[in-house]
Protein backbone atom coordinates (compact mmCIF):
# COMPACT_ATOMS: atom_id res chain seq x y z
CA ASP A 1 0.00 0.00 0.00
CA PRO A 2 -0.84 2.42 -1.45
CA ARG A 3 0.83 1.53 -4.78
CA HIS A 4 -0.14 -2.13 -4.64
CA ALA A 5 -3.76 -1.34 -3.76
CA ARG A 6 -4.00 1.13 -6.64
CA MET A 7 -2.64 -1.30 -9.24
CA ARG A 8 -4.63 -4.22 -7.86
CA ARG A 9 -7.80 -2.14 -8.04
CA ILE A 10 -7.21 -1.38 -11.71
CA VAL A 11 -6.08 -4.77 -12.97
CA SER A 12 -8.58 -6.80 -10.96
CA ARG A 13 -11.34 -5.58 -13.25
CA GLY A 14 -10.07 -8.03 -15.84
CA PHE A 15 -10.07 -10.97 -13.42
CA THR A 16 -13.51 -11.00 -11.83
CA PRO A 17 -15.43 -14.31 -11.89
CA ARG A 18 -17.95 -12.71 -14.26
CA GLN A 19 -15.27 -11.50 -16.65
CA LEU A 20 -13.53 -14.87 -16.57
CA GLY A 21 -16.87 -16.60 -17.08
CA LEU A 22 -17.11 -14.83 -20.43
CA MET A 23 -13.81 -16.51 -21.34
CA LYS A 24 -15.05 -20.03 -20.57
CA GLY A 25 -15.42 -20.92 -24.22
CA ASP A 26 -12.02 -19.45 -25.03
CA VAL A 27 -10.25 -21.62 -22.44
CA GLU A 28 -12.06 -24.74 -23.64
CA GLY A 29 -11.23 -23.88 -27.23
CA VAL A 30 -7.53 -23.41 -26.55
CA ALA A 31 -7.31 -26.65 -24.53
CA LYS A 32 -9.01 -28.56 -27.36
CA GLU A 33 -6.67 -26.95 -29.86
CA ILE A 34 -3.60 -28.03 -27.89
CA VAL A 35 -4.81 -31.64 -27.57
CA ASP A 36 -5.67 -31.62 -31.29
CA GLU A 37 -2.03 -30.70 -32.00
CA ILE A 38 -0.60 -33.68 -30.09
CA ALA A 39 -3.29 -36.39 -30.23
CA GLU A 40 -2.00 -38.25 -33.30
CA ARG A 41 1.64 -38.26 -32.20
CA GLY A 42 1.35 -40.69 -29.29
CA GLU A 43 4.23 -39.13 -27.38
CA GLY A 44 5.81 -35.80 -26.59
CA ASP A 45 7.16 -33.42 -23.99
CA PHE A 46 4.07 -32.80 -21.91
CA VAL A 47 5.44 -29.58 -20.43
CA THR A 48 6.51 -27.74 -23.57
CA ASP A 49 3.72 -29.17 -25.75
CA VAL A 50 0.79 -29.02 -23.36
CA ALA A 51 1.10 -27.84 -19.74
CA ALA A 52 2.97 -24.60 -20.36
CA ARG A 53 1.14 -23.82 -23.60
CA LEU A 54 -2.37 -23.50 -22.19
CA PRO A 55 -1.84 -20.68 -19.66
CA LEU A 56 0.56 -18.89 -22.01
CA ARG A 57 -1.86 -18.92 -24.95
CA ILE A 58 -4.74 -17.80 -22.76
CA ILE A 59 -2.71 -14.85 -21.46
CA LEU A 60 -1.57 -13.85 -24.95
CA ASP A 61 -5.14 -14.09 -26.26
CA MET A 62 -6.43 -12.05 -23.31
CA MET A 63 -3.85 -9.35 -23.93
CA GLY A 64 -4.39 -9.30 -27.68
CA ILE A 65 -0.82 -10.39 -28.43
CA PRO A 66 -0.51 -12.43 -31.64
CA ARG A 67 0.27 -16.14 -31.43
CA SER A 68 3.37 -15.51 -33.52
CA GLN A 69 4.95 -14.15 -30.32
CA GLU A 70 4.22 -17.30 -28.27
CA GLN A 71 7.70 -18.85 -28.43
CA PHE A 72 9.33 -15.45 -27.91
CA VAL A 73 7.37 -14.91 -24.67
CA PHE A 74 7.83 -18.53 -23.54
CA ASP A 75 11.62 -18.41 -23.91
CA ARG A 76 12.01 -15.14 -22.01
CA THR A 77 9.65 -16.25 -19.27
CA ASN A 78 11.82 -19.33 -18.76
CA VAL A 79 14.90 -17.13 -18.29
CA ILE A 80 13.15 -15.07 -15.60
CA LEU A 81 11.80 -18.11 -13.77
CA GLY A 82 14.79 -20.37 -14.40
CA PHE A 83 17.69 -18.02 -13.82
CA THR A 84 19.26 -20.59 -11.46
CA ASP A 85 19.00 -23.35 -14.07
CA PRO A 86 21.83 -23.72 -16.62
CA GLU A 87 19.36 -24.80 -19.31
CA TYR A 88 18.04 -21.24 -19.40
CA VAL A 89 21.04 -19.16 -18.28
CA ASP A 90 24.47 -20.24 -19.50
CA ASP A 91 26.52 -19.58 -16.37
CA VAL A 92 24.40 -19.53 -13.23
CA GLU A 93 27.52 -18.89 -11.13
CA ASP A 94 28.18 -15.56 -12.90
CA GLU A 95 26.09 -13.16 -10.83
CA MET A 96 26.45 -10.27 -13.27
CA GLY A 97 25.65 -12.54 -16.22
CA VAL A 98 22.52 -13.84 -14.51
CA THR A 99 21.39 -10.29 -13.70
CA MET A 100 21.91 -9.19 -17.29
CA ALA A 101 20.04 -12.23 -18.62
CA ILE A 102 17.03 -11.45 -16.40
CA LEU A 103 17.08 -7.76 -17.28
CA SER A 104 17.36 -8.50 -20.98
CA ALA A 105 14.45 -10.95 -20.89
CA GLY A 106 12.35 -8.46 -18.94
CA GLN A 107 13.18 -5.62 -21.31
CA ASP A 108 12.20 -7.75 -24.31
CA LEU A 109 8.81 -8.52 -22.77
CA ALA A 110 8.33 -4.91 -21.68
CA ALA A 111 9.07 -3.58 -25.16
CA LEU A 112 6.55 -5.98 -26.68
CA VAL A 113 3.64 -4.93 -24.51
CA THR A 114 4.58 -1.24 -24.18
CA GLU A 115 4.34 -0.86 -27.93
CA LEU A 116 1.01 -2.66 -27.88
CA GLY A 117 -0.27 -0.49 -25.02
CA GLU A 118 0.60 2.72 -26.84
CA ALA A 119 -1.22 1.45 -29.92
CA ARG A 120 -4.31 0.52 -27.87
CA ILE A 121 -4.50 4.00 -26.32
CA GLU A 122 -4.94 5.38 -29.83
CA ASP A 123 -7.04 2.52 -31.18
CA PRO A 124 -8.65 0.41 -28.42
CA GLY A 125 -9.65 -3.18 -29.13
CA ASN A 126 -11.61 -5.87 -27.32
CA ASP A 127 -8.73 -7.13 -25.19
CA LEU A 128 -7.28 -6.78 -21.70
CA VAL A 129 -4.58 -4.35 -22.80
CA SER A 130 -7.20 -1.96 -24.13
CA ALA A 131 -9.23 -2.28 -20.93
CA LEU A 132 -6.21 -1.57 -18.73
CA VAL A 133 -4.90 1.46 -20.60
CA THR A 134 -8.28 3.08 -21.27
CA SER A 135 -10.47 2.16 -18.28
CA GLU A 136 -10.35 4.38 -15.22
CA VAL A 137 -10.83 3.41 -11.59
CA ASP A 138 -11.20 6.42 -9.32
CA GLY A 139 -9.71 8.52 -12.11
CA GLU A 140 -6.66 6.27 -12.58
CA HIS A 141 -5.48 3.91 -15.27
CA LEU A 142 -2.29 2.03 -16.03
CA THR A 143 0.43 3.84 -17.91
CA PRO A 144 2.18 1.88 -20.71
CA GLU A 145 5.18 1.39 -18.39
CA GLU A 146 2.99 0.02 -15.59
CA LEU A 147 1.25 -2.18 -18.13
CA ALA A 148 4.63 -3.64 -19.13
CA SER A 149 5.47 -4.48 -15.50
CA PHE A 150 2.06 -6.07 -15.02
CA PHE A 151 2.43 -8.14 -18.20
CA ILE A 152 5.79 -9.52 -17.05
CA LEU A 153 4.24 -10.49 -13.72
CA LEU A 154 1.25 -12.02 -15.48
CA VAL A 155 3.15 -14.22 -17.93
CA VAL A 156 5.71 -15.27 -15.32
CA ALA A 157 3.04 -16.08 -12.72
CA GLY A 158 0.72 -17.77 -15.20
CA ASN A 159 3.40 -19.83 -16.90
CA GLY A 160 5.24 -20.74 -13.72
CA THR A 161 2.29 -21.78 -11.59
CA THR A 162 -0.64 -23.07 -13.62
CA GLY A 163 1.60 -24.82 -16.14
CA ASN A 164 3.55 -26.53 -13.38
CA ALA A 165 0.35 -27.56 -11.59
CA ILE A 166 -0.85 -29.26 -14.79
CA ALA A 167 2.54 -30.97 -15.23
CA HIS A 168 2.56 -32.19 -11.62
CA GLY A 169 -0.98 -33.45 -12.09
CA LEU A 170 0.04 -35.67 -15.00
CA ALA A 171 3.16 -36.86 -13.18
CA THR A 172 1.09 -37.78 -10.11
CA LEU A 173 -2.17 -39.23 -11.45
CA PRO A 174 -0.76 -42.39 -13.11
CA GLU A 175 1.20 -43.08 -9.91
CA ASN A 176 -2.17 -43.15 -8.16
CA PRO A 177 -4.26 -45.32 -10.54
CA ALA A 178 -7.20 -45.62 -8.18
CA GLN A 179 -7.46 -41.84 -8.02
CA MET A 180 -7.14 -41.51 -11.79
CA ALA A 181 -9.85 -44.12 -12.32
CA ARG A 182 -12.07 -42.38 -9.78
CA TRP A 183 -11.76 -39.10 -11.70
CA GLN A 184 -12.32 -40.77 -15.08
CA ARG A 185 -15.57 -42.36 -13.84
CA ASP A 186 -17.03 -38.91 -13.11
CA ILE A 187 -14.86 -36.32 -14.84
CA ALA A 188 -17.07 -33.28 -14.30
CA GLY A 189 -18.23 -34.28 -10.82
CA VAL A 190 -14.78 -34.95 -9.37
CA ALA A 191 -13.02 -32.05 -11.13
CA PRO A 192 -13.63 -29.34 -8.48
CA THR A 193 -11.97 -31.31 -5.67
CA ALA A 194 -9.37 -32.90 -7.95
CA VAL A 195 -8.15 -29.52 -9.19
CA GLU A 196 -7.77 -28.22 -5.62
CA GLU A 197 -5.82 -31.36 -4.73
CA ILE A 198 -3.49 -30.90 -7.70
CA VAL A 199 -2.74 -27.34 -6.57
CA ARG A 200 -2.17 -28.51 -2.98
CA TRP A 201 0.01 -31.40 -4.10
CA ALA A 202 2.06 -29.38 -6.58
CA SER A 203 2.41 -26.20 -4.47
CA PRO A 204 3.96 -24.49 -7.52
CA VAL A 205 5.31 -21.59 -5.45
CA ILE A 206 7.63 -22.92 -2.77
CA HIS A 207 7.95 -19.84 -0.60
CA PHE A 208 7.48 -16.10 -0.19
CA ARG A 209 9.02 -13.74 2.31
CA ARG A 210 7.13 -11.14 4.32
CA THR A 211 8.12 -8.39 6.75
CA VAL A 212 6.58 -8.03 10.22
CA THR A 213 4.96 -4.60 10.53
CA GLN A 214 4.59 -4.32 14.32
CA ASP A 215 6.00 -5.70 17.56
CA GLY A 216 4.27 -8.43 19.48
CA VAL A 217 3.25 -10.64 16.55
CA ARG A 218 3.21 -14.30 17.52
CA ILE A 219 3.33 -17.29 15.18
CA ALA A 220 2.93 -20.53 17.14
CA ASP A 221 5.43 -20.16 20.00
CA GLN A 222 7.66 -17.63 18.22
CA GLU A 223 7.32 -13.94 19.09
CA LEU A 224 8.31 -11.52 16.33
CA SER A 225 9.25 -7.85 16.23
CA GLU A 226 8.70 -5.09 13.71
CA GLY A 227 11.09 -5.49 10.78
CA ASP A 228 11.66 -9.23 11.25
CA LYS A 229 11.61 -11.29 8.08
CA VAL A 230 9.45 -14.39 7.91
CA VAL A 231 9.48 -17.02 5.18
CA LEU A 232 6.19 -18.67 4.28
CA TRP A 233 6.80 -22.26 3.14
CA TYR A 234 3.75 -23.16 1.09
CA TRP A 235 4.96 -26.71 0.52
CA SER A 236 5.08 -27.25 4.27
CA GLY A 237 1.75 -25.52 4.86
CA ASN A 238 0.06 -27.71 2.28
CA ARG A 239 1.23 -30.82 4.12
CA ASP A 240 0.38 -29.65 7.63
CA GLU A 241 -0.82 -32.62 9.69
CA ASP A 242 -2.91 -30.27 11.83
CA VAL A 243 -4.89 -29.20 8.75
CA PHE A 244 -4.94 -32.18 6.40
CA ALA A 245 -5.80 -35.79 7.10
CA ASP A 246 -3.12 -38.00 5.52
CA PRO A 247 -1.36 -34.98 3.97
CA HIS A 248 1.10 -37.12 2.02
CA THR A 249 -1.73 -38.98 0.26
CA PHE A 250 -2.99 -37.70 -3.11
CA ASP A 251 -6.80 -37.71 -2.90
CA VAL A 252 -8.86 -36.28 -5.78
CA GLY A 253 -11.91 -36.18 -3.52
CA ARG A 254 -10.23 -34.42 -0.60
CA THR A 255 -12.62 -32.17 1.28
CA PRO A 256 -12.19 -29.87 3.03
CA ASN A 257 -9.01 -28.78 1.30
CA ASP A 258 -7.86 -25.53 2.85
CA HIS A 259 -4.58 -25.35 0.91
CA VAL A 260 -2.56 -22.18 0.49
CA GLY A 261 -1.45 -22.85 -3.08
CA PHE A 262 -2.91 -19.50 -4.14
CA GLY A 263 -1.56 -17.71 -1.09
CA GLY A 264 -3.35 -16.74 2.08
CA PRO A 265 -6.43 -14.51 2.25
CA GLY A 266 -5.88 -10.80 1.88
CA PRO A 267 -4.57 -8.26 -0.64
CA HIS A 268 -1.97 -10.62 -2.11
CA PHE A 269 -4.26 -13.59 -2.77
CA CYS A 270 -3.60 -14.83 -6.30
CA LEU A 271 -5.34 -12.54 -8.77
CA GLY A 272 -5.61 -15.35 -11.31
CA ALA A 273 -6.92 -18.10 -9.01
CA HIS A 274 -10.27 -18.36 -10.80
CA LEU A 275 -8.54 -18.51 -14.19
CA ALA A 276 -5.98 -21.07 -12.99
CA ARG A 277 -8.73 -23.35 -11.67
CA ARG A 278 -10.57 -23.06 -14.96
CA GLU A 279 -7.47 -23.87 -17.02
CA ILE A 280 -6.55 -26.94 -14.95
CA THR A 281 -10.16 -28.17 -15.04
CA VAL A 282 -10.51 -27.81 -18.79
CA MET A 283 -7.13 -29.31 -19.64
CA PHE A 284 -7.70 -32.45 -17.59
CA ASP A 285 -11.22 -32.74 -18.98
CA GLN A 286 -9.70 -32.89 -22.46
CA LEU A 287 -6.93 -35.29 -21.45
CA LEU A 288 -9.07 -37.73 -19.48
CA ARG A 289 -11.73 -37.91 -22.19
CA ARG A 290 -9.57 -37.95 -25.31
CA LEU A 291 -6.24 -39.45 -24.16
CA PRO A 292 -7.39 -41.65 -21.26
CA ASP A 293 -4.17 -43.68 -21.07
CA ILE A 294 -1.78 -40.72 -21.12
CA HIS A 295 1.07 -41.23 -18.66
CA ALA A 296 4.58 -40.06 -17.88
CA ALA A 297 7.07 -42.26 -19.73
CA GLU A 298 10.12 -41.00 -17.84
CA GLU A 299 10.92 -39.25 -14.58
CA PRO A 300 10.19 -35.51 -14.63
CA VAL A 301 13.12 -33.20 -15.34
CA ARG A 302 12.93 -30.74 -12.48
CA LEU A 303 13.64 -27.02 -12.64
CA ARG A 304 16.68 -26.05 -10.60
CA SER A 305 15.02 -23.52 -8.31
CA ASN A 306 14.23 -22.99 -4.65
CA PHE A 307 11.33 -20.68 -5.52
CA ILE A 308 9.29 -22.49 -8.18
CA ASN A 309 8.47 -26.19 -7.79
CA GLY A 310 8.89 -26.62 -11.50
CA ILE A 311 8.91 -29.45 -14.00
CA LYS A 312 10.62 -28.26 -17.18
CA HIS A 313 10.34 -31.50 -19.19
CA LEU A 314 8.12 -34.56 -18.87
CA ARG A 315 8.07 -37.14 -21.63
CA ALA A 316 4.59 -38.61 -21.93
CA GLU A 317 3.02 -41.36 -24.01
CA TRP A 318 -0.55 -42.17 -25.00
CA THR A 319 -2.46 -44.14 -27.62
CA PRO A 320 -2.56 -42.01 -30.77
CA THR A 321 -6.01 -40.77 -31.69
CA ARG A 322 -7.53 -38.31 -34.09
């Protein structure tokens, strides 16, 4: 506050349940399109071909960015999220080199959307960029520079969380055949609880840090003072024995499921939670109906990161179908 509250107030207009409800057909269409692209092949890298593609395409379509930029955005997002992984940054031990790689990737993304934002101010369209640069909330709107910062956050958050949740879901379901069969028997009915369990199980964001704002705060038996730093371990919270029965068991029917995969309640709760749930639901609906025997053919290749619980590659196989 007050900068965060101002920006949240403006951008949240594009992420209300009603607004996202209007996109329902778009999400379903993109998920179908992605499965159409892979169905006949019988194998592929589930992350790069499927899991990461859905949230990225949805974000680009929402923003009005052409599909021709998809690989460009995907590659630079991977640098920002995977700056500790040598697959994405050549020398992760070179601190200056890592910093320059992140800055360069961010500048590329910023330039892309800043140019688009300036164009939409002059000639608005029916997309999120137009809404953000032309709509006013209490007399305020996003400048092109603020729009660029928001876009970087959006593509990084969307690609690094929802995509990884989908990848973890595929890696986990075949290891729990009874749970997979249970979902396949009632795909629509089980989906709401199954999606929440995937998010809990994956915990795509490993941790965040917060700063104590006043003396006398107590967490369990630890008293904290103003200025202390606290690290929130979402992975640990989502396996808390005091909250979850059998927390190390994957249960597609788990209820209640008070996970913190989207953060805790308050001003920093995930802005895209409704969209993420929709994307995971729709993608697994497509997979379970059209590629019912899809499974991981090899162990996941994990992202080298202590911030994102990422899977960067996952070779999968399925019976080819049209």
